Amino acid sequence: MGYLPENHTDFIFSVLCEELGFFGGFILLFLFFNLIWRGIRIAVQAKDKTDTLIAVGLLAMLLFHVLENIGMNLGIMPIAGIPLPFISFGGTAMITNLIAIGILSSIWVHRQGIMF
């Protein structure tokens, strides 16, 4: 209907909920919760403090992006132009999120010493 100013970038969560309904929005929130939960497990089981701090920092970035974007879609946060991770249109944000997930995966793989 044209009510949203930038529906393909900043307000993609509201468009997704409009198209898929409550269940689709709930599934997306569950997937983000699962991603954050696994990241917390990675941070807790990291082999040293540096890996833990890196994991927590990357999780904080992802969590802030999710909360800010969904909050601005609901009208409880200011519109800041922060994309929804892995959903919103934008190449730089997607590359940054993929690098963050890659670093988290590397921390998870290297939590124990490499055994040959």
Protein backbone atom coordinates (compact mmCIF):
# COMPACT_ATOMS: atom_id res chain seq x y z
CA MET A 1 0.00 0.00 0.00
CA GLY A 2 3.01 2.32 0.14
CA TYR A 3 2.88 3.15 3.85
CA LEU A 4 6.50 2.26 4.53
CA PRO A 5 9.19 4.68 3.36
CA GLU A 6 11.93 2.13 2.58
CA ASN A 7 10.31 -1.27 2.66
CA HIS A 8 13.12 -3.16 0.92
CA THR A 9 15.87 -1.97 3.28
CA ASP A 10 15.10 -0.67 6.76
CA PHE A 11 11.53 -1.90 7.22
CA ILE A 12 11.89 -5.38 5.80
CA PHE A 13 10.72 -6.97 9.07
CA SER A 14 7.32 -5.28 8.84
CA VAL A 15 6.98 -6.35 5.19
CA LEU A 16 7.94 -9.91 6.14
CA CYS A 17 5.37 -9.94 8.93
CA GLU A 18 2.75 -8.50 6.57
CA GLU A 19 3.43 -11.19 3.97
CA LEU A 20 3.99 -14.19 6.26
CA GLY A 21 1.92 -13.16 9.27
CA PHE A 22 2.61 -13.70 12.94
CA PHE A 23 4.00 -17.18 12.38
CA GLY A 24 6.59 -15.96 9.86
CA GLY A 25 7.72 -13.16 12.17
CA PHE A 26 7.92 -15.59 15.07
CA ILE A 27 10.02 -18.04 13.05
CA LEU A 28 12.43 -15.24 12.07
CA LEU A 29 12.75 -14.13 15.70
CA PHE A 30 13.31 -17.76 16.74
CA LEU A 31 16.09 -18.11 14.17
CA PHE A 32 17.78 -14.94 15.44
CA PHE A 33 17.41 -16.19 19.03
CA ASN A 34 18.96 -19.51 18.01
CA LEU A 35 21.89 -17.69 16.37
CA ILE A 36 22.49 -15.57 19.46
CA TRP A 37 22.17 -18.62 21.77
CA ARG A 38 24.74 -20.57 19.77
CA GLY A 39 27.03 -17.54 19.83
CA ILE A 40 26.77 -17.37 23.60
CA ARG A 41 27.70 -21.06 23.79
CA ILE A 42 30.72 -20.35 21.56
CA ALA A 43 31.78 -17.46 23.80
CA VAL A 44 31.45 -19.55 26.96
CA GLN A 45 33.38 -22.50 25.56
CA ALA A 46 36.16 -20.48 23.89
CA LYS A 47 39.70 -21.58 24.71
CA ASP A 48 41.05 -18.22 25.91
CA LYS A 49 39.88 -14.78 26.97
CA THR A 50 40.68 -13.15 23.64
CA ASP A 51 38.38 -15.50 21.77
CA THR A 52 35.66 -14.94 24.37
CA LEU A 53 35.90 -11.16 24.00
CA ILE A 54 35.84 -11.36 20.21
CA ALA A 55 32.80 -13.64 20.30
CA VAL A 56 30.96 -11.39 22.76
CA GLY A 57 31.74 -8.33 20.65
CA LEU A 58 30.43 -9.95 17.48
CA LEU A 59 27.33 -11.14 19.31
CA ALA A 60 26.74 -7.66 20.68
CA MET A 61 26.92 -6.26 17.15
CA LEU A 62 24.42 -8.80 15.81
CA LEU A 63 22.08 -8.44 18.78
CA PHE A 64 22.13 -4.65 18.57
CA HIS A 65 21.31 -4.76 14.86
CA VAL A 66 18.41 -7.13 15.44
CA LEU A 67 16.98 -5.20 18.40
CA GLU A 68 17.41 -1.79 16.76
CA ASN A 69 15.87 -2.84 13.45
CA ILE A 70 12.89 -4.63 14.98
CA GLY A 71 12.47 -1.81 17.52
CA MET A 72 12.34 0.81 14.79
CA ASN A 73 9.82 -1.33 12.89
CA LEU A 74 7.65 -1.39 16.00
CA GLY A 75 8.10 2.33 16.56
CA ILE A 76 9.84 2.08 19.94
CA MET A 77 13.36 2.90 18.69
CA PRO A 78 14.52 5.80 16.53
CA ILE A 79 14.92 5.17 12.81
CA ALA A 80 18.67 4.79 12.40
CA GLY A 81 19.01 2.93 9.11
CA ILE A 82 20.49 -0.20 10.66
CA PRO A 83 19.76 -3.27 8.50
CA LEU A 84 18.28 -6.51 9.74
CA PRO A 85 21.12 -9.08 9.63
CA PHE A 86 20.95 -11.50 6.67
CA ILE A 87 17.55 -10.15 5.58
CA SER A 88 17.88 -6.49 4.58
CA PHE A 89 19.17 -5.25 1.27
CA GLY A 90 22.78 -4.10 1.42
CA GLY A 91 26.09 -5.60 0.41
CA THR A 92 28.38 -4.17 3.07
CA ALA A 93 26.14 -5.22 5.95
CA MET A 94 25.80 -8.72 4.50
CA ILE A 95 29.58 -9.09 4.10
CA THR A 96 30.14 -7.83 7.65
CA ASN A 97 27.60 -10.29 9.06
CA LEU A 98 29.06 -13.18 7.10
CA ILE A 99 32.57 -12.32 8.33
CA ALA A 100 31.23 -12.20 11.90
CA ILE A 101 29.66 -15.65 11.54
CA GLY A 102 32.88 -16.94 9.98
CA ILE A 103 34.93 -15.69 12.93
CA LEU A 104 32.47 -17.25 15.37
CA SER A 105 32.73 -20.54 13.49
CA SER A 106 36.51 -20.33 13.63
CA ILE A 107 36.41 -19.76 17.39
CA TRP A 108 34.12 -22.79 17.73
CA VAL A 109 36.39 -25.03 15.63
CA HIS A 110 39.54 -23.95 17.47
CA ARG A 111 38.13 -24.21 21.00
CA GLN A 112 40.32 -27.25 21.54
CA GLY A 113 43.84 -27.81 20.34
CA ILE A 114 44.22 -29.30 16.90
CA MET A 115 45.01 -32.99 17.23
CA PHE A 116 46.66 -34.90 14.39
